[in-house]
Amino acid sequence: MDNKQYLILEVIWKDEDMFELKVNCNNGRYSGTTEVYDTKESLLAFANSLDGYPFQGGELMHECGKQDSYAFFKMRFYKIGVTGIVGVQINLEENVATDYREEEKDKLEMELIVEPNAINSFQKELKKLAMIESGLAILNGIKPYTNNIK
């Protein structure tokens, strides 16, 4: 069993209008993967909004694809308490058409717990990934100190 907690975004294909991201996540208990399309402008705007987070700004969210359609990915950042610890809610839906059987599509919703320095590194990698439309952006998580972080 993999004991590492992470969210990894990797560009696996691109053209002049968009690129395809492979998204991998693992919180130590649950894990998932999907491939979804995004644009440079959309991802870059989100990366810029992460600058200084969580000390500046409230909840932040980025999504791409379409929920209950072909493929979907959402990450929602929110503060947990006053310590600077952040929760990231991750939603993934497999890149499968649902024209015939809705049950065929795998879906995952999980929480990743991260520290501010991990967000800072992720923000820089995400910005670079969006600018050059290539590479990886990795958000490293931590094990929750308790089952109910306050």
Protein backbone atom coordinates (compact mmCIF):
# COMPACT_ATOMS: atom_id res chain seq x y z
CA MET A 1 0.00 0.00 0.00
CA ASP A 2 1.26 3.46 -0.90
CA ASN A 3 1.56 5.61 2.23
CA LYS A 4 2.28 8.87 0.40
CA GLN A 5 -0.34 11.57 0.02
CA TYR A 6 -0.30 13.61 -3.19
CA LEU A 7 -2.04 15.26 -6.10
CA ILE A 8 -0.14 15.14 -9.40
CA LEU A 9 -1.10 16.95 -12.59
CA GLU A 10 0.81 15.99 -15.74
CA VAL A 11 0.39 17.25 -19.30
CA ILE A 12 0.10 14.19 -21.56
CA TRP A 13 -1.11 15.81 -24.81
CA LYS A 14 -1.51 19.30 -26.25
CA ASP A 15 -2.50 21.24 -29.32
CA GLU A 16 -2.84 24.96 -30.04
CA ASP A 17 -6.15 25.33 -28.13
CA MET A 18 -5.90 23.04 -25.10
CA PHE A 19 -3.98 20.31 -23.35
CA GLU A 20 -4.85 17.05 -21.63
CA LEU A 21 -3.95 16.51 -17.99
CA LYS A 22 -3.44 13.18 -16.33
CA VAL A 23 -4.53 13.64 -12.72
CA ASN A 24 -3.35 11.23 -10.01
CA CYS A 25 -4.24 11.53 -6.34
CA ASN A 26 -3.75 9.52 -3.18
CA ASN A 27 -4.55 10.40 0.43
CA GLY A 28 -3.12 7.21 1.93
CA ARG A 29 -6.48 5.48 1.93
CA TYR A 30 -8.10 6.36 -1.41
CA SER A 31 -6.54 6.96 -4.80
CA GLY A 32 -7.65 7.67 -8.33
CA THR A 33 -6.68 8.74 -11.83
CA THR A 34 -8.38 10.49 -14.71
CA GLU A 35 -7.49 12.37 -17.88
CA VAL A 36 -9.21 15.68 -18.56
CA TYR A 37 -8.83 18.66 -20.91
CA ASP A 38 -7.93 22.16 -19.72
CA THR A 39 -6.67 25.43 -21.18
CA LYS A 40 -3.56 27.46 -20.50
CA GLU A 41 -5.59 30.53 -19.52
CA SER A 42 -7.85 28.69 -17.08
CA LEU A 43 -5.08 26.80 -15.28
CA LEU A 44 -2.79 29.84 -15.20
CA ALA A 45 -5.51 31.98 -13.61
CA PHE A 46 -5.98 29.36 -10.89
CA ALA A 47 -2.22 29.02 -10.33
CA ASN A 48 -1.98 32.79 -9.88
CA SER A 49 -4.84 32.74 -7.36
CA LEU A 50 -2.84 30.28 -5.21
CA ASP A 51 -0.05 32.84 -4.69
CA GLY A 52 0.13 33.49 -0.92
CA TYR A 53 -2.54 30.95 -0.08
CA PRO A 54 -3.79 30.23 2.60
CA PHE A 55 -2.72 33.50 4.20
CA GLN A 56 -4.48 35.56 1.54
CA GLY A 57 -7.94 34.63 0.37
CA GLY A 58 -10.64 32.20 1.38
CA GLU A 59 -11.75 29.13 -0.51
CA LEU A 60 -10.28 28.51 -3.98
CA MET A 61 -11.51 26.10 -6.62
CA HIS A 62 -10.54 24.92 -10.09
CA GLU A 63 -12.43 22.46 -12.25
CA CYS A 64 -12.16 21.15 -15.77
CA GLY A 65 -14.22 18.79 -17.83
CA LYS A 66 -17.91 18.33 -17.14
CA GLN A 67 -19.43 16.52 -14.21
CA ASP A 68 -21.49 13.42 -15.12
CA SER A 69 -20.22 13.63 -18.69
CA TYR A 70 -17.02 12.31 -20.28
CA ALA A 71 -14.36 13.34 -17.71
CA PHE A 72 -14.20 15.70 -14.74
CA PHE A 73 -11.65 17.02 -12.23
CA LYS A 74 -12.14 19.51 -9.41
CA MET A 75 -9.83 20.66 -6.63
CA ARG A 76 -11.18 22.89 -3.87
CA PHE A 77 -8.77 24.46 -1.36
CA TYR A 78 -10.04 25.54 2.08
CA LYS A 79 -8.48 26.45 5.41
CA ILE A 80 -8.68 24.09 8.36
CA GLY A 81 -8.42 25.97 11.64
CA VAL A 82 -5.87 28.71 12.36
CA THR A 83 -2.64 26.74 11.93
CA GLY A 84 -2.30 27.21 8.17
CA ILE A 85 -3.24 23.60 7.44
CA VAL A 86 -5.34 23.33 4.30
CA GLY A 87 -7.78 20.74 3.05
CA VAL A 88 -8.06 20.01 -0.65
CA GLN A 89 -11.25 18.32 -1.74
CA ILE A 90 -10.56 16.37 -4.93
CA ASN A 91 -13.26 15.08 -7.25
CA LEU A 92 -12.40 12.80 -10.16
CA GLU A 93 -14.57 11.16 -12.77
CA GLU A 94 -13.12 8.65 -15.19
CA ASN A 95 -12.86 9.60 -18.85
CA VAL A 96 -15.64 7.26 -19.98
CA ALA A 97 -18.70 8.17 -22.03
CA THR A 98 -21.94 7.44 -20.16
CA ASP A 99 -24.20 7.06 -23.18
CA TYR A 100 -24.93 3.41 -22.50
CA ARG A 101 -24.32 2.68 -18.82
CA GLU A 102 -23.99 5.41 -16.18
CA GLU A 103 -22.69 2.80 -13.69
CA GLU A 104 -19.65 2.16 -15.90
CA LYS A 105 -18.17 5.53 -14.88
CA ASP A 106 -15.92 5.52 -11.79
CA LYS A 107 -16.09 8.55 -9.48
CA LEU A 108 -13.98 9.54 -6.50
CA GLU A 109 -14.21 12.28 -3.89
CA MET A 110 -11.48 12.55 -1.26
CA GLU A 111 -9.67 15.01 0.96
CA LEU A 112 -5.93 15.69 0.92
CA ILE A 113 -4.41 17.57 3.87
CA VAL A 114 -1.52 19.92 2.97
CA GLU A 115 0.75 22.51 4.56
CA PRO A 116 1.32 26.05 3.22
CA ASN A 117 4.87 25.32 1.99
CA ALA A 118 3.53 22.48 -0.17
CA ILE A 119 0.98 24.87 -1.72
CA ASN A 120 3.77 27.36 -2.46
CA SER A 121 5.79 24.71 -4.35
CA PHE A 122 2.69 23.43 -6.14
CA GLN A 123 1.71 26.96 -7.19
CA LYS A 124 5.11 27.53 -8.84
CA GLU A 125 5.05 24.15 -10.63
CA LEU A 126 1.44 24.66 -11.73
CA LYS A 127 2.21 28.09 -13.14
CA LYS A 128 5.17 26.69 -15.10
CA LEU A 129 3.09 23.74 -16.34
CA ALA A 130 0.36 26.11 -17.58
CA MET A 131 2.83 28.50 -19.23
CA ILE A 132 4.79 25.88 -21.19
CA GLU A 133 1.93 23.34 -21.41
CA SER A 134 4.27 20.57 -20.37
CA GLY A 135 5.58 18.82 -17.26
CA LEU A 136 4.31 17.97 -13.80
CA ALA A 137 2.87 19.84 -10.82
CA ILE A 138 2.95 17.92 -7.54
CA LEU A 139 1.09 18.81 -4.36
CA ASN A 140 2.45 16.77 -1.45
CA GLY A 141 0.07 16.00 1.36
CA ILE A 142 0.58 15.11 4.98
CA LYS A 143 -0.99 12.48 7.19
CA PRO A 144 -3.73 14.01 9.31
CA TYR A 145 -2.65 14.40 12.91
CA THR A 146 -6.05 13.10 14.00
CA ASN A 147 -9.10 11.85 12.24
CA ASN A 148 -10.84 15.16 12.93
CA ILE A 149 -8.52 18.12 12.42
CA LYS A 150 -9.91 21.26 14.04
